[in-house]
Amino acid sequence: MAKTQAKDPLAELWPGQSVALLKALHILTRDGQLNADSRRKLKQVLHLAQLIKPALDAAFAEKPAPVLADLGAGKSYLGFVLYDLFFAREGRGQVVAVEARHDLVETSKAIAAESGFARMRFVESTIADATIDAGVDVVTALHACDGATDEAILFALRHDAKFVALVPCCQAELATILESSKKPERQLWRHPIQRREFGAHLTNVLRGLYLEAHGYKVRVTELTGLEHSLKNEFIFAERHQRSNPAARAEFDRLAAQFGAAPKLLTF
């Protein structure tokens, strides 16, 4: 029987993508291979890059030096890849990674310096407290847990970002509120597993309506296949107007019906 040839990990990369950067990020091993965890991580980041490419193309077309803020950046995988794929090639614009953990910020600074990413900078801060004086055109938050996604939405509003790309993660706030609910709808979340899933779904529905209420057009879709991540919902928003009263009324109606809404998302 003929041996099955191993898939070349470099075949998954975008043309011209920096292999040296992926090795520095430990996504690729020293000999250029991918383990299963790294393959999932790389697939998510590259697919997210593809999904937000239209937003970045528009930002570069509209602004001489657009700014992307990657919030809750962690090890800055997403920020580094977006800089490599878009900002380095354009030769303009800036990526700002916001992360509260000092060790991760310092490591990312070193990788940026080694990679020659002069227009990538790092802000050591929580999302809630972060301010970028230059303004922001595109906001991203990949797997920002629980209320951090809501903080990312508020950050985008404070900085008047035109585009917002969110992949929410663990969301426990509404499940906790629903647990003590006496509303007739409580049979929808009577069991803990259903309460977690329903709470997460309701949270993201309300997030979309909150963005729409502030004038964004919102699209919700899948990030990657479930075999790569169970936290798989992608919320993309593009601002078209200042406000949408109908969306705000629907947000208020749902919040009242279920007796729950993210505490940070208030009007």
Protein backbone atom coordinates (compact mmCIF):
# COMPACT_ATOMS: atom_id res chain seq x y z
CA MET A 1 0.00 0.00 0.00
CA ALA A 2 1.36 3.41 -0.94
CA LYS A 3 2.23 5.72 1.91
CA THR A 4 0.07 8.82 2.34
CA GLN A 5 2.19 11.93 1.95
CA ALA A 6 2.12 14.35 4.86
CA LYS A 7 0.45 17.62 4.05
CA ASP A 8 2.86 20.50 3.63
CA PRO A 9 2.03 22.99 6.45
CA LEU A 10 3.33 25.87 4.32
CA ALA A 11 0.57 25.17 1.80
CA GLU A 12 -1.90 26.61 4.31
CA LEU A 13 -0.15 29.98 4.44
CA TRP A 14 -0.98 33.05 2.38
CA PRO A 15 1.45 33.84 -0.45
CA GLY A 16 4.48 35.64 0.94
CA GLN A 17 3.49 35.10 4.56
CA SER A 18 6.45 35.25 6.93
CA VAL A 19 7.57 31.78 8.01
CA ALA A 20 10.13 33.35 10.36
CA LEU A 21 7.34 35.20 12.19
CA LEU A 22 5.28 32.03 12.63
CA LYS A 23 8.33 30.28 14.07
CA ALA A 24 8.92 33.20 16.46
CA LEU A 25 5.30 32.88 17.58
CA HIS A 26 5.81 29.10 18.01
CA ILE A 27 3.00 28.39 15.57
CA LEU A 28 5.53 26.64 13.35
CA THR A 29 8.27 24.51 14.88
CA ARG A 30 11.91 25.22 14.07
CA ASP A 31 11.77 22.72 11.21
CA GLY A 32 8.60 24.33 9.84
CA GLN A 33 6.03 21.82 11.07
CA LEU A 34 2.64 22.25 12.73
CA ASN A 35 1.25 20.28 15.66
CA ALA A 36 -2.51 19.78 15.99
CA ASP A 37 -3.02 22.68 18.39
CA SER A 38 -0.98 25.07 16.26
CA ARG A 39 -2.83 23.99 13.13
CA ARG A 40 -6.17 24.86 14.76
CA LYS A 41 -4.82 28.20 15.94
CA LEU A 42 -3.35 29.07 12.56
CA LYS A 43 -6.53 28.08 10.74
CA GLN A 44 -8.64 30.31 12.98
CA VAL A 45 -6.34 33.32 12.62
CA LEU A 46 -5.97 32.99 8.84
CA HIS A 47 -9.69 32.49 8.36
CA LEU A 48 -10.43 35.54 10.49
CA ALA A 49 -7.92 37.50 8.40
CA GLN A 50 -9.84 36.46 5.29
CA LEU A 51 -13.16 37.49 6.83
CA ILE A 52 -11.95 40.98 7.79
CA LYS A 53 -9.92 41.57 4.62
CA PRO A 54 -12.75 43.66 3.05
CA ALA A 55 -12.73 45.92 6.13
CA LEU A 56 -8.97 46.38 5.95
CA ASP A 57 -9.08 46.99 2.20
CA ALA A 58 -11.71 49.67 2.78
CA ALA A 59 -9.74 51.22 5.64
CA PHE A 60 -6.59 51.45 3.51
CA ALA A 61 -8.62 52.95 0.66
CA GLU A 62 -10.16 55.59 2.92
CA LYS A 63 -7.25 56.51 5.20
CA PRO A 64 -3.54 57.22 4.57
CA ALA A 65 -2.61 55.48 7.83
CA PRO A 66 -5.45 53.33 9.22
CA VAL A 67 -5.25 51.97 12.75
CA LEU A 68 -6.32 48.49 13.83
CA ALA A 69 -6.72 47.72 17.53
CA ASP A 70 -6.50 44.08 18.59
CA LEU A 71 -8.06 43.84 22.04
CA GLY A 72 -7.28 41.23 24.69
CA ALA A 73 -4.44 40.36 22.36
CA GLY A 74 -2.81 37.66 24.48
CA LYS A 75 0.33 36.56 22.62
CA SER A 76 -0.73 38.85 19.73
CA TYR A 77 -0.99 36.04 17.17
CA LEU A 78 -3.77 37.86 15.35
CA GLY A 79 -2.12 41.28 15.45
CA PHE A 80 1.19 39.91 14.15
CA VAL A 81 -0.45 38.01 11.31
CA LEU A 82 -2.59 40.98 10.27
CA TYR A 83 0.45 43.25 10.31
CA ASP A 84 2.39 40.75 8.20
CA LEU A 85 -0.41 40.18 5.69
CA PHE A 86 -1.71 43.73 5.33
CA PHE A 87 0.15 46.53 7.09
CA ALA A 88 3.71 45.49 6.22
CA ARG A 89 2.77 45.07 2.56
CA GLU A 90 1.00 48.42 2.41
CA GLY A 91 3.92 50.14 4.12
CA ARG A 92 1.57 52.30 6.18
CA GLY A 93 -0.95 52.15 8.98
CA GLN A 94 -0.56 50.84 12.50
CA VAL A 95 -1.54 47.80 14.57
CA VAL A 96 -2.05 48.37 18.29
CA ALA A 97 -2.28 45.31 20.53
CA VAL A 98 -3.98 45.83 23.89
CA GLU A 99 -3.11 43.28 26.57
CA ALA A 100 -3.11 43.51 30.37
CA ARG A 101 -0.48 40.84 31.13
CA HIS A 102 2.98 42.37 31.38
CA ASP A 103 4.93 39.25 30.39
CA LEU A 104 2.94 38.78 27.19
CA VAL A 105 3.36 42.44 26.26
CA GLU A 106 7.13 42.29 26.75
CA THR A 107 7.45 39.08 24.73
CA SER A 108 5.38 40.57 21.91
CA LYS A 109 7.49 43.74 21.89
CA ALA A 110 10.62 41.63 21.44
CA ILE A 111 9.10 39.65 18.56
CA ALA A 112 7.95 42.87 16.86
CA ALA A 113 11.45 44.34 17.15
CA GLU A 114 13.06 41.18 15.76
CA SER A 115 10.56 41.11 12.89
CA GLY A 116 11.08 44.77 11.97
CA PHE A 117 7.41 45.59 12.64
CA ALA A 118 8.06 49.26 13.40
CA ARG A 119 4.40 50.31 13.15
CA MET A 120 3.13 47.72 15.60
CA ARG A 121 2.85 48.86 19.19
CA PHE A 122 1.61 47.42 22.43
CA VAL A 123 -0.53 48.93 25.16
CA GLU A 124 -0.36 47.27 28.57
CA SER A 125 -3.91 47.79 29.77
CA THR A 126 -7.28 46.22 30.27
CA ILE A 127 -9.69 46.76 27.40
CA ALA A 128 -11.95 48.88 29.61
CA ASP A 129 -9.15 51.31 30.48
CA ALA A 130 -7.38 51.42 27.11
CA THR A 131 -7.32 54.63 25.08
CA ILE A 132 -5.64 55.12 21.71
CA ASP A 133 -5.15 58.80 20.97
CA ALA A 134 -4.71 58.32 17.23
CA GLY A 135 -8.24 56.95 16.87
CA VAL A 136 -9.14 53.51 15.57
CA ASP A 137 -10.61 52.35 12.28
CA VAL A 138 -10.87 48.58 12.85
CA VAL A 139 -11.36 46.75 16.15
CA THR A 140 -10.73 43.02 16.56
CA ALA A 141 -11.17 40.77 19.58
CA LEU A 142 -10.51 37.05 19.15
CA HIS A 143 -11.88 34.83 21.95
CA ALA A 144 -12.21 37.67 24.47
CA CYS A 145 -13.81 35.89 27.42
CA ASP A 146 -17.13 36.79 29.04
CA GLY A 147 -17.51 40.57 29.51
CA ALA A 148 -14.30 41.35 27.63
CA THR A 149 -16.25 41.16 24.36
CA ASP A 150 -18.66 43.77 25.71
CA GLU A 151 -15.67 45.92 26.70
CA ALA A 152 -14.44 45.58 23.11
CA ILE A 153 -17.78 46.85 21.82
CA LEU A 154 -17.63 49.86 24.15
CA PHE A 155 -13.99 50.48 23.13
CA ALA A 156 -15.07 50.53 19.47
CA LEU A 157 -17.81 53.05 20.26
CA ARG A 158 -15.46 55.28 22.29
CA HIS A 159 -12.99 55.34 19.41
CA ASP A 160 -15.65 55.66 16.69
CA ALA A 161 -14.35 52.59 14.86
CA LYS A 162 -15.98 51.93 11.51
CA PHE A 163 -15.41 48.16 11.59
CA VAL A 164 -15.71 45.71 14.50
CA ALA A 165 -14.78 42.01 14.27
CA LEU A 166 -15.53 39.88 17.33
CA VAL A 167 -15.22 36.19 18.17
CA PRO A 168 -16.74 35.84 21.66
CA CYS A 169 -15.58 33.18 24.09
CA CYS A 170 -16.84 31.86 27.44
CA GLN A 171 -19.97 33.81 28.43
CA ALA A 172 -21.28 33.09 31.90
CA GLU A 173 -22.93 36.36 32.91
CA LEU A 174 -26.40 35.81 31.47
CA ALA A 175 -26.46 32.12 32.41
CA THR A 176 -25.97 33.16 36.04
CA ILE A 177 -28.84 35.65 35.81
CA LEU A 178 -31.14 33.15 34.08
CA GLU A 179 -30.52 30.52 36.75
CA SER A 180 -32.70 32.39 39.24
CA SER A 181 -35.31 33.51 36.71
CA LYS A 182 -38.96 32.73 37.37
CA LYS A 183 -40.15 33.80 33.93
CA PRO A 184 -42.43 31.47 31.92
CA GLU A 185 -39.63 30.98 29.36
CA ARG A 186 -37.39 29.36 31.99
CA GLN A 187 -38.02 25.88 30.56
CA LEU A 188 -35.76 26.95 27.69
CA TRP A 189 -32.79 26.94 30.07
CA ARG A 190 -33.85 24.61 32.91
CA HIS A 191 -30.84 22.31 32.52
CA PRO A 192 -27.32 23.74 33.10
CA ILE A 193 -26.00 22.78 29.67
CA GLN A 194 -29.00 24.43 28.02
CA ARG A 195 -28.64 27.47 30.28
CA ARG A 196 -25.03 27.95 29.21
CA GLU A 197 -25.87 27.61 25.53
CA PHE A 198 -29.01 29.73 25.71
CA GLY A 199 -27.23 32.38 27.78
CA ALA A 200 -24.39 32.58 25.27
CA HIS A 201 -26.84 32.78 22.36
CA LEU A 202 -28.91 35.50 24.01
CA THR A 203 -25.74 37.41 24.87
CA ASN A 204 -24.59 37.48 21.26
CA VAL A 205 -28.06 38.39 19.96
CA LEU A 206 -28.12 41.36 22.34
CA ARG A 207 -24.56 42.34 21.34
CA GLY A 208 -25.60 42.43 17.71
CA LEU A 209 -28.65 44.54 18.51
CA TYR A 210 -26.55 46.89 20.65
CA LEU A 211 -24.18 47.47 17.74
CA GLU A 212 -27.13 47.96 15.38
CA ALA A 213 -28.65 50.45 17.82
CA HIS A 214 -25.43 52.47 17.45
CA GLY A 215 -25.66 52.53 13.68
CA TYR A 216 -23.73 49.42 12.65
CA LYS A 217 -24.83 46.91 10.07
CA VAL A 218 -24.19 43.52 11.68
CA ARG A 219 -23.48 40.12 10.18
CA VAL A 220 -23.16 36.97 12.30
CA THR A 221 -21.59 33.86 10.82
CA GLU A 222 -19.31 30.90 11.55
CA LEU A 223 -15.60 31.46 12.07
CA THR A 224 -14.27 27.97 11.28
CA GLY A 225 -15.52 24.43 11.52
CA LEU A 226 -16.44 23.17 14.97
CA GLU A 227 -13.56 20.71 14.81
CA HIS A 228 -11.23 23.70 15.22
CA SER A 229 -13.10 25.67 17.88
CA LEU A 230 -16.36 25.29 19.81
CA LYS A 231 -16.36 29.08 20.35
CA ASN A 232 -17.16 29.65 16.74
CA GLU A 233 -19.48 32.63 16.34
CA PHE A 234 -18.13 35.57 14.34
CA ILE A 235 -19.78 38.98 14.74
CA PHE A 236 -18.84 41.55 12.11
CA ALA A 237 -20.14 45.11 12.19
CA GLU A 238 -19.73 48.07 9.85
CA ARG A 239 -20.98 51.50 10.82
CA HIS A 240 -23.39 53.17 8.42
CA GLN A 241 -25.21 55.71 10.61
CA ARG A 242 -25.14 57.19 14.10
CA SER A 243 -28.09 55.33 15.59
CA ASN A 244 -30.96 52.94 14.90
CA PRO A 245 -33.99 53.43 17.20
CA ALA A 246 -35.71 50.27 15.97
CA ALA A 247 -32.75 48.11 16.99
CA ARG A 248 -32.60 49.81 20.38
CA ALA A 249 -36.29 49.12 20.94
CA GLU A 250 -35.74 45.45 20.05
CA PHE A 251 -32.77 45.26 22.46
CA ASP A 252 -34.93 46.68 25.25
CA ARG A 253 -37.80 44.31 24.43
CA LEU A 254 -35.62 41.19 24.54
CA ALA A 255 -33.82 42.28 27.69
CA ALA A 256 -37.17 42.83 29.41
CA GLN A 257 -38.65 39.57 28.12
CA PHE A 258 -35.82 37.44 29.48
CA GLY A 259 -34.90 39.66 32.41
CA ALA A 260 -31.23 39.59 31.38
CA ALA A 261 -28.74 41.68 29.43
CA PRO A 262 -24.96 42.19 29.59
CA LYS A 263 -24.47 44.70 32.41
CA LEU A 264 -21.93 46.70 30.40
CA LEU A 265 -24.28 47.20 27.46
CA THR A 266 -26.61 49.90 28.73
CA PHE A 267 -28.02 52.98 27.06
